[in-house]
Amino acid sequence: MPTHLESLTIAQLRDNWQGYQQTFKAPHPFVTPEWLEAWWANFRDGDDLFLKEISADGVVLGIAPLRIHGDAARFIGSADVCDYLDFMVKPGTEAHFFDSLLEELNRSNIKTIELESLRPDSLAVKHLLPLVQSRGKSAELTDTDVSLDMPLPAIWDDYLLSLTTHQRHEIGRKMRRLEEAGEIRFDITAPGNVGAELTTLIRLLRISRADKAEFMTGQMESYFRRMAESMNQAGFLRFGHLQMGNEIVASVMCFDYNGIRYLYNSGYDPKYSSLSVGLLSKVYSIKDAIEQKMARYDFLKGAETYKYHLGGIEIPVSRLRIELT
């Protein structure tokens, strides 16, 4: 079946997005047009866009959200801010899609494919990797990080029962101690003022951990602000606040997408660390996700101990390098 490849701008991807979603779904928020546009605007660093729509007989098979760096094809995105990356393909057409993509990359004199932030269930791992291996190409899949997520039960009590006895008791003890310390309130909603909400989050994450303060450079803050505005317009962004009295003592930034809550970043005031406000802000966000009938909670990349304590299940995150020559 002959295929047709069309080069897209990210604006064209966004304009066509609703139509694409009738055929295939973005597997997570990190490949939506809003996310790609924010990353490209801040981090393209001279790369060329290689955003391709692949179709056959008038039916769109999928989207390859790539960029060209030298003679290598990479995803639009980077592992430091994009927890997962992948292609978007109509189910059942993966072999045809990737066959056409490889032909186009060869015609474009691309020597390597370098893909990062891959889940084990990504299309790149499940379909592209075995295809190139069957053709005798050199392909190396390397674990680079871990991510943790978990299914959510229907009710909060069932979530607590899913934890170890020790962790269940610890959460109960910490919640009681916080409630005894003063008037507390937690809410997580779509923001009314994205800029103000993000300013609060950035302030708290900078003072909560030295590595987060180092991470949040001026360029990174610019990216966060652009990305947050775009993701809010798309309807995915949520900010959660843990307040004691009138003071916000912890904040979480999440994305609610396709029945999954993604915990993207967080911060807290170290003055209240004895009350475990950082941990409890995440516990309350899990409780809210259950009440909102979310199917899963994704802690995203990083092997922080609290993720395991709160029920997270570890999965590998990998990098795939393919030699095309």
Protein backbone atom coordinates (compact mmCIF):
# COMPACT_ATOMS: atom_id res chain seq x y z
CA MET A 1 0.00 0.00 0.00
CA PRO A 2 1.63 3.31 -1.03
CA THR A 3 2.06 5.90 1.68
CA HIS A 4 2.20 9.66 1.67
CA LEU A 5 4.40 11.69 4.02
CA GLU A 6 3.63 15.30 4.76
CA SER A 7 5.82 17.67 6.74
CA LEU A 8 3.95 19.57 9.43
CA THR A 9 4.61 22.57 11.59
CA ILE A 10 3.63 22.25 15.23
CA ALA A 11 0.87 24.80 14.56
CA GLN A 12 -0.52 22.53 11.84
CA LEU A 13 -0.34 19.57 14.20
CA ARG A 14 -2.36 21.56 16.72
CA ASP A 15 -4.92 22.64 14.10
CA ASN A 16 -5.42 19.02 12.98
CA TRP A 17 -5.28 17.55 16.47
CA GLN A 18 -8.97 16.88 17.05
CA GLY A 19 -9.16 14.99 13.78
CA TYR A 20 -6.11 12.91 14.62
CA GLN A 21 -7.60 11.99 17.98
CA GLN A 22 -10.46 10.24 16.22
CA THR A 23 -7.90 7.80 14.79
CA PHE A 24 -5.21 7.50 17.48
CA LYS A 25 -4.56 8.90 20.93
CA ALA A 26 -1.48 10.58 22.26
CA PRO A 27 -0.27 8.06 24.87
CA HIS A 28 0.50 10.77 27.42
CA PRO A 29 0.56 14.59 27.64
CA PHE A 30 4.24 14.91 26.71
CA VAL A 31 3.55 14.50 22.98
CA THR A 32 0.54 16.79 22.69
CA PRO A 33 0.93 19.86 20.44
CA GLU A 34 0.86 22.17 23.45
CA TRP A 35 3.79 20.37 25.04
CA LEU A 36 5.81 20.07 21.83
CA GLU A 37 5.35 23.76 21.03
CA ALA A 38 6.61 24.88 24.43
CA TRP A 39 9.66 22.60 24.29
CA TRP A 40 10.53 23.62 20.72
CA ALA A 41 10.25 27.32 21.50
CA ASN A 42 12.71 27.03 24.40
CA PHE A 43 15.12 24.22 23.55
CA ARG A 44 15.33 23.66 19.78
CA ASP A 45 18.96 24.87 19.77
CA GLY A 46 19.40 24.90 16.00
CA ASP A 47 17.78 21.52 15.32
CA ASP A 48 15.55 21.05 12.28
CA LEU A 49 11.93 20.00 12.63
CA PHE A 50 11.10 16.54 11.26
CA LEU A 51 7.42 16.35 12.17
CA LYS A 52 5.78 13.95 9.73
CA GLU A 53 2.21 12.87 9.08
CA ILE A 54 2.16 9.45 7.41
CA SER A 55 -1.00 8.38 5.58
CA ALA A 56 -2.18 5.66 3.19
CA ASP A 57 -5.27 5.74 0.95
CA GLY A 58 -6.34 8.99 2.57
CA VAL A 59 -6.18 7.59 6.10
CA VAL A 60 -3.65 9.02 8.55
CA LEU A 61 -1.57 6.20 10.00
CA GLY A 62 0.31 8.27 12.53
CA ILE A 63 2.60 11.11 13.50
CA ALA A 64 6.39 11.03 13.89
CA PRO A 65 7.27 13.93 16.25
CA LEU A 66 10.98 14.11 15.43
CA ARG A 67 13.78 16.65 15.06
CA ILE A 68 17.10 16.36 13.30
CA HIS A 69 20.29 16.95 15.28
CA GLY A 70 23.27 16.63 12.95
CA ASP A 71 22.66 13.31 11.18
CA ALA A 72 20.55 11.87 14.01
CA ALA A 73 16.77 11.77 14.38
CA ARG A 74 15.50 12.45 17.90
CA PHE A 75 12.13 13.11 19.48
CA ILE A 76 10.95 16.68 19.91
CA GLY A 77 11.66 16.78 23.63
CA SER A 78 14.38 15.85 26.10
CA ALA A 79 14.66 13.51 29.05
CA ASP A 80 15.19 16.28 31.60
CA VAL A 81 11.66 17.68 31.16
CA CYS A 82 9.79 15.01 29.15
CA ASP A 83 9.23 11.94 31.30
CA TYR A 84 7.89 9.87 28.41
CA LEU A 85 8.16 10.26 24.63
CA ASP A 86 6.78 8.20 21.77
CA PHE A 87 5.18 8.08 18.34
CA MET A 88 1.43 8.30 17.73
CA VAL A 89 0.10 5.56 15.45
CA LYS A 90 -3.27 4.13 14.49
CA PRO A 91 -3.57 0.68 16.13
CA GLY A 92 -2.92 -2.12 13.67
CA THR A 93 -0.85 -0.02 11.25
CA GLU A 94 2.41 0.10 13.21
CA ALA A 95 4.46 -2.01 10.78
CA HIS A 96 3.34 0.05 7.79
CA PHE A 97 3.93 3.31 9.65
CA PHE A 98 7.46 2.50 10.80
CA ASP A 99 8.42 0.97 7.46
CA SER A 100 7.48 4.24 5.75
CA LEU A 101 9.26 6.30 8.39
CA LEU A 102 12.50 4.33 8.00
CA GLU A 103 12.39 4.81 4.23
CA GLU A 104 11.98 8.56 4.68
CA LEU A 105 14.85 8.74 7.17
CA ASN A 106 17.09 6.88 4.75
CA ARG A 107 16.12 9.23 1.91
CA SER A 108 17.01 12.13 4.20
CA ASN A 109 20.49 10.67 4.86
CA ILE A 110 19.84 10.19 8.57
CA LYS A 111 22.49 7.90 10.06
CA THR A 112 21.09 7.17 13.52
CA ILE A 113 17.85 7.26 15.47
CA GLU A 114 18.30 8.29 19.11
CA LEU A 115 15.12 8.02 21.17
CA GLU A 116 14.91 8.61 24.92
CA SER A 117 12.26 8.52 27.66
CA LEU A 118 10.75 5.26 26.41
CA ARG A 119 8.35 3.19 28.49
CA PRO A 120 8.34 -0.59 27.94
CA ASP A 121 4.88 -0.25 26.34
CA SER A 122 5.99 2.50 23.95
CA LEU A 123 5.48 1.98 20.23
CA ALA A 124 9.20 2.55 19.72
CA VAL A 125 10.06 -0.43 21.93
CA LYS A 126 7.19 -2.72 20.92
CA HIS A 127 7.23 -2.12 17.16
CA LEU A 128 10.16 -0.06 15.86
CA LEU A 129 12.85 -2.01 17.72
CA PRO A 130 11.84 -5.50 16.47
CA LEU A 131 11.39 -4.13 12.95
CA VAL A 132 14.93 -2.79 12.68
CA GLN A 133 16.34 -5.90 14.37
CA SER A 134 14.60 -8.07 11.78
CA ARG A 135 16.44 -6.08 9.11
CA GLY A 136 19.83 -6.68 10.70
CA LYS A 137 20.31 -3.12 11.92
CA SER A 138 22.33 -2.41 15.03
CA ALA A 139 19.93 -1.41 17.80
CA GLU A 140 20.69 -0.91 21.49
CA LEU A 141 18.03 -0.45 24.18
CA THR A 142 19.50 0.86 27.44
CA ASP A 143 17.70 1.45 30.72
CA THR A 144 18.43 5.00 31.84
CA ASP A 145 15.95 5.66 34.64
CA VAL A 146 12.89 4.32 36.40
CA SER A 147 9.38 5.62 36.70
CA LEU A 148 6.69 4.64 39.18
CA ASP A 149 2.95 4.52 38.73
CA MET A 150 0.00 2.58 40.12
CA PRO A 151 -3.62 1.70 39.43
CA LEU A 152 -6.17 3.50 41.57
CA PRO A 153 -9.02 1.71 43.33
CA ALA A 154 -12.56 3.02 43.49
CA ILE A 155 -12.36 4.27 47.08
CA TRP A 156 -9.73 5.76 49.40
CA ASP A 157 -9.99 3.02 52.01
CA ASP A 158 -9.08 0.41 49.40
CA TYR A 159 -6.01 2.45 48.48
CA LEU A 160 -4.91 2.52 52.12
CA LEU A 161 -5.44 -1.23 52.37
CA SER A 162 -3.18 -1.74 49.34
CA LEU A 163 -0.23 -0.28 51.26
CA THR A 164 1.93 -2.13 53.75
CA THR A 165 0.66 -2.05 57.31
CA HIS A 166 3.57 0.15 58.31
CA GLN A 167 3.04 2.70 55.55
CA ARG A 168 -0.71 2.78 56.14
CA HIS A 169 -0.13 3.57 59.80
CA GLU A 170 2.53 6.16 58.93
CA ILE A 171 0.18 8.02 56.59
CA GLY A 172 -2.57 8.01 59.20
CA ARG A 173 -0.19 9.24 61.90
CA LYS A 174 1.20 12.03 59.73
CA MET A 175 -2.24 13.19 58.62
CA ARG A 176 -3.47 13.33 62.23
CA ARG A 177 -0.38 15.23 63.35
CA LEU A 178 -0.83 17.79 60.57
CA GLU A 179 -4.52 18.25 61.37
CA GLU A 180 -3.67 18.76 65.04
CA ALA A 181 -1.16 21.49 64.14
CA GLY A 182 -3.80 23.90 62.87
CA GLU A 183 -6.46 24.54 60.28
CA ILE A 184 -5.47 22.81 57.05
CA ARG A 185 -6.99 22.69 53.59
CA PHE A 186 -6.00 20.95 50.37
CA ASP A 187 -7.47 21.71 46.98
CA ILE A 188 -6.39 20.77 43.49
CA THR A 189 -8.00 22.51 40.53
CA ALA A 190 -7.42 23.97 37.11
CA PRO A 191 -5.69 27.28 37.81
CA GLY A 192 -7.43 30.60 37.41
CA ASN A 193 -4.13 32.49 37.23
CA VAL A 194 -1.41 30.25 35.83
CA GLY A 195 1.38 32.78 36.33
CA ALA A 196 0.63 33.31 40.01
CA GLU A 197 0.20 29.60 40.68
CA LEU A 198 3.49 28.80 38.99
CA THR A 199 5.30 31.54 40.89
CA THR A 200 4.18 29.90 44.14
CA LEU A 201 5.27 26.46 42.98
CA ILE A 202 8.68 27.64 41.76
CA ARG A 203 9.34 29.50 45.01
CA LEU A 204 8.51 26.40 47.04
CA LEU A 205 10.50 23.97 44.93
CA ARG A 206 13.54 26.26 45.00
CA ILE A 207 13.55 26.44 48.79
CA SER A 208 12.63 22.79 49.36
CA ARG A 209 15.62 21.12 47.67
CA ALA A 210 18.98 22.33 46.45
CA ASP A 211 18.89 20.15 43.32
CA LYS A 212 15.51 21.59 42.34
CA ALA A 213 16.80 25.12 42.83
CA GLU A 214 19.75 24.31 40.56
CA PHE A 215 17.42 22.75 37.98
CA MET A 216 15.13 25.79 37.84
CA THR A 217 17.35 28.09 35.77
CA GLY A 218 16.03 31.17 34.02
CA GLN A 219 15.63 29.23 30.78
CA MET A 220 13.84 26.42 32.60
CA GLU A 221 11.49 28.84 34.31
CA SER A 222 10.68 30.39 30.93
CA TYR A 223 9.89 26.92 29.61
CA PHE A 224 7.72 26.07 32.62
CA ARG A 225 5.71 29.25 32.20
CA ARG A 226 5.09 28.72 28.51
CA MET A 227 4.31 25.04 28.97
CA ALA A 228 1.95 25.67 31.88
CA GLU A 229 -0.04 28.27 29.95
CA SER A 230 -0.36 25.91 26.99
CA MET A 231 -1.29 22.87 29.07
CA ASN A 232 -3.86 24.91 30.96
CA GLN A 233 -5.46 26.01 27.70
CA ALA A 234 -5.63 22.35 26.68
CA GLY A 235 -7.42 21.58 29.95
CA PHE A 236 -4.80 19.24 31.44
CA LEU A 237 -3.08 21.37 34.09
CA ARG A 238 -3.87 21.11 37.80
CA PHE A 239 -2.25 22.86 40.76
CA GLY A 240 -2.70 21.50 44.25
CA HIS A 241 -2.18 23.55 47.41
CA LEU A 242 -1.76 22.42 50.97
CA GLN A 243 -2.58 25.37 53.21
CA MET A 244 -2.15 25.92 56.93
CA GLY A 245 -4.31 28.87 57.85
CA ASN A 246 -3.74 31.36 55.06
CA GLU A 247 -0.26 30.12 54.14
CA ILE A 248 0.48 27.74 51.26
CA VAL A 249 3.02 25.30 52.70
CA ALA A 250 3.21 22.82 49.80
CA SER A 251 2.26 22.76 46.13
CA VAL A 252 1.98 20.08 43.45
CA MET A 253 1.79 20.50 39.68
CA CYS A 254 -0.09 17.72 37.90
CA PHE A 255 -1.58 16.86 34.54
CA ASP A 256 -4.90 15.05 34.32
CA TYR A 257 -4.92 13.26 30.98
CA ASN A 258 -6.90 10.31 29.67
CA GLY A 259 -7.89 9.08 33.12
CA ILE A 260 -4.39 9.35 34.59
CA ARG A 261 -3.01 11.92 37.01
CA TYR A 262 0.66 12.70 36.34
CA LEU A 263 2.62 14.26 39.22
CA TYR A 264 5.02 16.53 37.35
CA ASN A 265 6.63 18.66 40.05
CA SER A 266 6.22 19.78 43.63
CA GLY A 267 7.66 21.95 46.35
CA TYR A 268 7.16 22.70 50.02
CA ASP A 269 8.26 25.12 52.73
CA PRO A 270 11.09 23.51 54.77
CA LYS A 271 9.84 25.38 57.86
CA TYR A 272 7.06 22.80 57.97
CA SER A 273 9.11 19.72 57.10
CA SER A 274 8.53 18.26 60.57
CA LEU A 275 4.85 18.03 59.62
CA SER A 276 5.62 16.11 56.41
CA VAL A 277 3.80 18.69 54.29
CA GLY A 278 5.69 17.73 51.13
CA LEU A 279 4.71 14.08 51.39
CA LEU A 280 1.15 14.79 52.48
CA SER A 281 0.52 17.16 49.57
CA LYS A 282 1.12 14.15 47.33
CA VAL A 283 -1.04 11.88 49.50
CA TYR A 284 -3.91 14.35 49.25
CA SER A 285 -3.45 14.57 45.47
CA ILE A 286 -3.77 10.77 45.30
CA LYS A 287 -6.92 10.92 47.43
CA ASP A 288 -8.39 13.55 45.13
CA ALA A 289 -7.51 11.49 42.03
CA ILE A 290 -9.43 8.55 43.52
CA GLU A 291 -12.40 10.81 44.24
CA GLN A 292 -12.23 12.07 40.65
CA LYS A 293 -12.44 8.44 39.46
CA MET A 294 -9.00 8.49 37.85
CA ALA A 295 -7.76 5.07 36.72
CA ARG A 296 -4.06 5.53 37.50
CA TYR A 297 -1.64 7.78 39.33
CA ASP A 298 1.78 8.29 37.74
CA PHE A 299 4.64 9.58 39.90
CA LEU A 300 6.77 9.92 36.74
CA LYS A 301 10.54 9.49 36.57
CA GLY A 302 12.79 9.20 39.58
CA ALA A 303 13.31 6.57 42.28
CA GLU A 304 12.48 8.72 45.30
CA THR A 305 11.70 6.57 48.33
CA TYR A 306 8.30 8.15 48.99
CA LYS A 307 6.98 6.86 45.65
CA TYR A 308 7.55 3.27 46.74
CA HIS A 309 6.04 3.96 50.17
CA LEU A 310 2.90 5.37 48.54
CA GLY A 311 2.37 2.29 46.40
CA GLY A 312 4.23 3.13 43.21
CA ILE A 313 5.25 0.23 40.98
CA GLU A 314 8.60 0.59 39.25
CA ILE A 315 8.96 0.42 35.47
CA PRO A 316 12.16 0.99 33.46
CA VAL A 317 12.59 4.04 31.25
CA SER A 318 14.95 3.45 28.35
CA ARG A 319 16.95 4.97 25.52
CA LEU A 320 16.99 3.40 22.06
CA ARG A 321 19.81 3.94 19.59
CA ILE A 322 19.50 2.56 16.05
CA GLU A 323 22.24 2.62 13.43
CA LEU A 324 20.65 3.03 10.00
CA THR A 325 23.86 2.65 7.97
